[in-house]
PDB file of all heavy atoms in Angstrom:
ATOM      1  N   GLU A   1      16.806  -3.186   6.437  1.00  0.00           N
ATOM      2  CA  GLU A   1      16.853  -1.741   6.160  1.00  0.00           C
ATOM      3  C   GLU A   1      16.675  -0.919   7.433  1.00  0.00           C
ATOM      4  O   GLU A   1      16.088  -1.370   8.394  1.00  0.00           O
ATOM      5  CB  GLU A   1      15.755  -1.359   5.183  1.00  0.00           C
ATOM      6  CG  GLU A   1      16.018  -1.720   3.735  1.00  0.00           C
ATOM      7  CD  GLU A   1      15.087  -1.005   2.758  1.00  0.00           C
ATOM      8  OE1 GLU A   1      14.527   0.058   3.139  1.00  0.00           O
ATOM      9  OE2 GLU A   1      15.010  -1.493   1.616  1.00  0.00           O
ATOM     10  N   ALA A   2      17.218   0.314   7.362  1.00  0.00           N
ATOM     11  CA  ALA A   2      16.917   1.352   8.365  1.00  0.00           C
ATOM     12  C   ALA A   2      15.770   2.177   7.813  1.00  0.00           C
ATOM     13  O   ALA A   2      15.888   2.712   6.681  1.00  0.00           O
ATOM     14  CB  ALA A   2      18.116   2.200   8.658  1.00  0.00           C
ATOM     15  N   VAL A   3      14.699   2.366   8.561  1.00  0.00           N
ATOM     16  CA  VAL A   3      13.468   2.933   8.059  1.00  0.00           C
ATOM     17  C   VAL A   3      12.959   4.042   8.989  1.00  0.00           C
ATOM     18  O   VAL A   3      12.966   3.884  10.198  1.00  0.00           O
ATOM     19  CB  VAL A   3      12.367   1.883   7.896  1.00  0.00           C
ATOM     20  CG1 VAL A   3      11.050   2.458   7.377  1.00  0.00           C
ATOM     21  CG2 VAL A   3      12.846   0.739   6.996  1.00  0.00           C
ATOM     22  N   GLY A   4      12.515   5.142   8.433  1.00  0.00           N
ATOM     23  CA  GLY A   4      11.840   6.196   9.170  1.00  0.00           C
ATOM     24  C   GLY A   4      10.351   6.133   8.841  1.00  0.00           C
ATOM     25  O   GLY A   4       9.997   6.086   7.668  1.00  0.00           O
ATOM     26  N   VAL A   5       9.495   6.186   9.864  1.00  0.00           N
ATOM     27  CA  VAL A   5       8.026   6.131   9.666  1.00  0.00           C
ATOM     28  C   VAL A   5       7.423   7.379  10.188  1.00  0.00           C
ATOM     29  O   VAL A   5       7.492   7.662  11.399  1.00  0.00           O
ATOM     30  CB  VAL A   5       7.406   4.884  10.324  1.00  0.00           C
ATOM     31  CG1 VAL A   5       5.894   4.876  10.075  1.00  0.00           C
ATOM     32  CG2 VAL A   5       8.040   3.593   9.784  1.00  0.00           C
ATOM     33  N   ASP A   6       6.784   8.169   9.305  1.00  0.00           N
ATOM     34  CA  ASP A   6       6.204   9.441   9.681  1.00  0.00           C
ATOM     35  C   ASP A   6       4.985   9.281  10.566  1.00  0.00           C
ATOM     36  O   ASP A   6       4.441   8.176  10.756  1.00  0.00           O
ATOM     37  CB  ASP A   6       5.833  10.196   8.400  1.00  0.00           C
ATOM     38  CG  ASP A   6       5.746  11.718   8.584  1.00  0.00           C
ATOM     39  OD1 ASP A   6       5.891  12.157   9.732  1.00  0.00           O
ATOM     40  OD2 ASP A   6       5.481  12.400   7.588  1.00  0.00           O
ATOM     41  N   SER A   7       4.525  10.405  11.115  1.00  0.00           N
ATOM     42  CA  SER A   7       3.314  10.393  11.967  1.00  0.00           C
ATOM     43  C   SER A   7       2.082  10.316  11.113  1.00  0.00           C
ATOM     44  O   SER A   7       2.118  10.235   9.896  1.00  0.00           O
ATOM     45  CB  SER A   7       3.296  11.695  12.779  1.00  0.00           C
ATOM     46  OG  SER A   7       3.316  12.817  11.925  1.00  0.00           O
ATOM     47  N   GLY A   8       0.916  10.346  11.767  1.00  0.00           N
ATOM     48  CA  GLY A   8      -0.353  10.289  11.073  1.00  0.00           C
ATOM     49  C   GLY A   8      -0.933   8.897  11.058  1.00  0.00           C
ATOM     50  O   GLY A   8      -0.291   7.906  11.416  1.00  0.00           O
ATOM     51  N   THR A   9      -2.174   8.796  10.617  1.00  0.00           N
ATOM     52  CA  THR A   9      -2.888   7.505  10.621  1.00  0.00           C
ATOM     53  C   THR A   9      -2.303   6.524   9.680  1.00  0.00           C
ATOM     54  O   THR A   9      -2.214   5.309   9.954  1.00  0.00           O
ATOM     55  CB  THR A   9      -4.376   7.718  10.350  1.00  0.00           C
ATOM     56  OG1 THR A   9      -4.543   8.423   9.093  1.00  0.00           O
ATOM     57  CG2 THR A   9      -5.023   8.574  11.456  1.00  0.00           C
ATOM     58  N   THR A  10      -1.896   6.963   8.448  1.00  0.00           N
ATOM     59  CA  THR A  10      -1.354   6.056   7.461  1.00  0.00           C
ATOM     60  C   THR A  10       0.041   5.635   7.885  1.00  0.00           C
ATOM     61  O   THR A  10       0.450   4.485   7.675  1.00  0.00           O
ATOM     62  CB  THR A  10      -1.329   6.708   6.093  1.00  0.00           C
ATOM     63  OG1 THR A  10      -2.598   7.311   5.796  1.00  0.00           O
ATOM     64  CG2 THR A  10      -1.056   5.654   4.992  1.00  0.00           C
ATOM     65  N   GLY A  11       0.786   6.529   8.533  1.00  0.00           N
ATOM     66  CA  GLY A  11       2.090   6.131   9.077  1.00  0.00           C
ATOM     67  C   GLY A  11       1.983   5.075  10.137  1.00  0.00           C
ATOM     68  O   GLY A  11       2.759   4.118  10.169  1.00  0.00           O
ATOM     69  N   ALA A  12       0.959   5.195  11.003  1.00  0.00           N
ATOM     70  CA  ALA A  12       0.744   4.171  12.025  1.00  0.00           C
ATOM     71  C   ALA A  12       0.399   2.857  11.405  1.00  0.00           C
ATOM     72  O   ALA A  12       0.785   1.765  11.846  1.00  0.00           O
ATOM     73  CB  ALA A  12      -0.331   4.601  12.982  1.00  0.00           C
ATOM     74  N   ALA A  13      -0.409   2.881  10.298  1.00  0.00           N
ATOM     75  CA  ALA A  13      -0.772   1.642   9.617  1.00  0.00           C
ATOM     76  C   ALA A  13       0.459   0.996   8.957  1.00  0.00           C
ATOM     77  O   ALA A  13       0.567  -0.261   8.948  1.00  0.00           O
ATOM     78  CB  ALA A  13      -1.806   1.958   8.538  1.00  0.00           C
ATOM     79  N   VAL A  14       1.379   1.795   8.436  1.00  0.00           N
ATOM     80  CA  VAL A  14       2.654   1.233   7.894  1.00  0.00           C
ATOM     81  C   VAL A  14       3.462   0.610   8.993  1.00  0.00           C
ATOM     82  O   VAL A  14       4.003  -0.492   8.828  1.00  0.00           O
ATOM     83  CB  VAL A  14       3.442   2.317   7.181  1.00  0.00           C
ATOM     84  CG1 VAL A  14       4.836   1.817   6.836  1.00  0.00           C
ATOM     85  CG2 VAL A  14       2.721   2.772   5.872  1.00  0.00           C
ATOM     86  N   ALA A  15       3.558   1.266  10.136  1.00  0.00           N
ATOM     87  CA  ALA A  15       4.297   0.707  11.259  1.00  0.00           C
ATOM     88  C   ALA A  15       3.734  -0.660  11.671  1.00  0.00           C
ATOM     89  O   ALA A  15       4.496  -1.597  11.985  1.00  0.00           O
ATOM     90  CB  ALA A  15       4.282   1.674  12.451  1.00  0.00           C
ATOM     91  N   GLN A  16       2.439  -0.782  11.653  1.00  0.00           N
ATOM     92  CA  GLN A  16       1.807  -2.068  12.027  1.00  0.00           C
ATOM     93  C   GLN A  16       2.228  -3.151  11.045  1.00  0.00           C
ATOM     94  O   GLN A  16       2.504  -4.284  11.429  1.00  0.00           O
ATOM     95  CB  GLN A  16       0.265  -1.909  11.998  1.00  0.00           C
ATOM     96  CG  GLN A  16      -0.469  -3.140  12.440  1.00  0.00           C
ATOM     97  CD  GLN A  16      -0.263  -3.429  13.939  1.00  0.00           C
ATOM     98  OE1 GLN A  16      -0.404  -2.555  14.761  1.00  0.00           O
ATOM     99  NE2 GLN A  16       0.129  -4.660  14.238  1.00  0.00           N
ATOM    100  N   GLN A  17       2.340  -2.810   9.755  1.00  0.00           N
ATOM    101  CA  GLN A  17       2.748  -3.777   8.765  1.00  0.00           C
ATOM    102  C   GLN A  17       4.234  -4.145   8.889  1.00  0.00           C
ATOM    103  O   GLN A  17       4.625  -5.243   8.516  1.00  0.00           O
ATOM    104  CB  GLN A  17       2.509  -3.213   7.343  1.00  0.00           C
ATOM    105  CG  GLN A  17       1.019  -3.017   7.029  1.00  0.00           C
ATOM    106  CD  GLN A  17       0.280  -4.356   6.945  1.00  0.00           C
ATOM    107  OE1 GLN A  17       0.803  -5.386   6.499  1.00  0.00           O
ATOM    108  NE2 GLN A  17      -0.945  -4.356   7.439  1.00  0.00           N
ATOM    109  N   LEU A  18       5.035  -3.223   9.397  1.00  0.00           N
ATOM    110  CA  LEU A  18       6.468  -3.469   9.545  1.00  0.00           C
ATOM    111  C   LEU A  18       6.818  -4.265  10.776  1.00  0.00           C
ATOM    112  O   LEU A  18       7.952  -4.739  10.913  1.00  0.00           O
ATOM    113  CB  LEU A  18       7.240  -2.147   9.534  1.00  0.00           C
ATOM    114  CG  LEU A  18       7.145  -1.272   8.304  1.00  0.00           C
ATOM    115  CD1 LEU A  18       7.897   0.015   8.514  1.00  0.00           C
ATOM    116  CD2 LEU A  18       7.707  -2.033   7.074  1.00  0.00           C
ATOM    117  N   ALA A  19       5.873  -4.394  11.713  1.00  0.00           N
ATOM    118  CA  ALA A  19       6.173  -4.996  12.997  1.00  0.00           C
ATOM    119  C   ALA A  19       6.673  -6.410  12.943  1.00  0.00           C
ATOM    120  O   ALA A  19       7.398  -6.856  13.868  1.00  0.00           O
ATOM    121  CB  ALA A  19       4.956  -4.896  13.903  1.00  0.00           C
ATOM    122  N   SER A  20       6.356  -7.114  11.946  1.00  0.00           N
ATOM    123  CA  SER A  20       6.786  -8.535  11.802  1.00  0.00           C
ATOM    124  C   SER A  20       8.068  -8.677  11.025  1.00  0.00           C
ATOM    125  O   SER A  20       8.568  -9.808  10.828  1.00  0.00           O
ATOM    126  CB  SER A  20       5.677  -9.367  11.118  1.00  0.00           C
ATOM    127  OG  SER A  20       5.442  -8.891   9.811  1.00  0.00           O
ATOM    128  N   ARG A  21       8.679  -7.569  10.557  1.00  0.00           N
ATOM    129  CA  ARG A  21       9.864  -7.617   9.735  1.00  0.00           C
ATOM    130  C   ARG A  21      11.126  -7.441  10.570  1.00  0.00           C
ATOM    131  O   ARG A  21      11.110  -6.982  11.677  1.00  0.00           O
ATOM    132  CB  ARG A  21       9.763  -6.481   8.696  1.00  0.00           C
ATOM    133  CG  ARG A  21       8.492  -6.515   7.817  1.00  0.00           C
ATOM    134  CD  ARG A  21       8.527  -7.647   6.829  1.00  0.00           C
ATOM    135  NE  ARG A  21       9.712  -7.543   5.985  1.00  0.00           N
ATOM    136  CZ  ARG A  21       9.736  -6.667   4.925  1.00  0.00           C
ATOM    137  NH1 ARG A  21       8.674  -5.960   4.602  1.00  0.00           N
ATOM    138  NH2 ARG A  21      10.806  -6.614   4.168  1.00  0.00           N
ATOM    139  N   ARG A  22      12.277  -7.780   9.954  1.00  0.00           N
ATOM    140  CA  ARG A  22      13.596  -7.636  10.599  1.00  0.00           C
ATOM    141  C   ARG A  22      14.142  -6.313  10.089  1.00  0.00           C
ATOM    142  O   ARG A  22      14.775  -6.237   9.045  1.00  0.00           O
ATOM    143  CB  ARG A  22      14.496  -8.797  10.264  1.00  0.00           C
ATOM    144  CG  ARG A  22      15.850  -8.727  10.944  1.00  0.00           C
ATOM    145  CD  ARG A  22      16.654  -9.975  10.702  1.00  0.00           C
ATOM    146  NE  ARG A  22      16.849 -10.254   9.291  1.00  0.00           N
ATOM    147  CZ  ARG A  22      17.750  -9.667   8.484  1.00  0.00           C
ATOM    148  NH1 ARG A  22      18.572  -8.764   9.012  1.00  0.00           N
ATOM    149  NH2 ARG A  22      17.839  -9.981   7.233  1.00  0.00           N
ATOM    150  N   LEU A  23      13.980  -5.238  10.909  1.00  0.00           N
ATOM    151  CA  LEU A  23      14.324  -3.899  10.489  1.00  0.00           C
ATOM    152  C   LEU A  23      14.795  -3.070  11.652  1.00  0.00           C
ATOM    153  O   LEU A  23      14.582  -3.444  12.810  1.00  0.00           O
ATOM    154  CB  LEU A  23      13.062  -3.208   9.861  1.00  0.00           C
ATOM    155  CG  LEU A  23      12.387  -3.846   8.695  1.00  0.00           C
ATOM    156  CD1 LEU A  23      11.009  -3.239   8.497  1.00  0.00           C
ATOM    157  CD2 LEU A  23      13.229  -3.655   7.431  1.00  0.00           C
ATOM    158  N   THR A  24      15.417  -1.981  11.334  1.00  0.00           N
ATOM    159  CA  THR A  24      15.672  -0.890  12.307  1.00  0.00           C
ATOM    160  C   THR A  24      14.724   0.249  11.961  1.00  0.00           C
ATOM    161  O   THR A  24      14.808   0.749  10.814  1.00  0.00           O
ATOM    162  CB  THR A  24      17.129  -0.421  12.294  1.00  0.00           C
ATOM    163  OG1 THR A  24      17.979  -1.524  12.614  1.00  0.00           O
ATOM    164  CG2 THR A  24      17.353   0.717  13.255  1.00  0.00           C
ATOM    165  N   VAL A  25      13.882   0.658  12.894  1.00  0.00           N
ATOM    166  CA  VAL A  25      12.844   1.606  12.568  1.00  0.00           C
ATOM    167  C   VAL A  25      12.859   2.770  13.572  1.00  0.00           C
ATOM    168  O   VAL A  25      12.952   2.563  14.803  1.00  0.00           O
ATOM    169  CB  VAL A  25      11.460   0.965  12.580  1.00  0.00           C
ATOM    170  CG1 VAL A  25      10.382   2.003  12.251  1.00  0.00           C
ATOM    171  CG2 VAL A  25      11.378  -0.192  11.618  1.00  0.00           C
ATOM    172  N   MET A  26      12.782   3.985  13.064  1.00  0.00           N
ATOM    173  CA  MET A  26      12.562   5.154  13.867  1.00  0.00           C
ATOM    174  C   MET A  26      11.130   5.660  13.633  1.00  0.00           C
ATOM    175  O   MET A  26      10.866   6.163  12.555  1.00  0.00           O
ATOM    176  CB  MET A  26      13.584   6.280  13.597  1.00  0.00           C
ATOM    177  CG  MET A  26      13.384   7.520  14.413  1.00  0.00           C
ATOM    178  SD  MET A  26      14.678   8.787  14.208  1.00  0.00           S
ATOM    179  CE  MET A  26      15.988   8.071  15.219  1.00  0.00           C
TER     180      MET A  26
END
């Protein structure tokens, strides 16, 4: 998937969870 991750503390926590996945992330 192509994914957008918003700012903020919860957004940063989501980004951490996505780091091991095969994705395109902004």
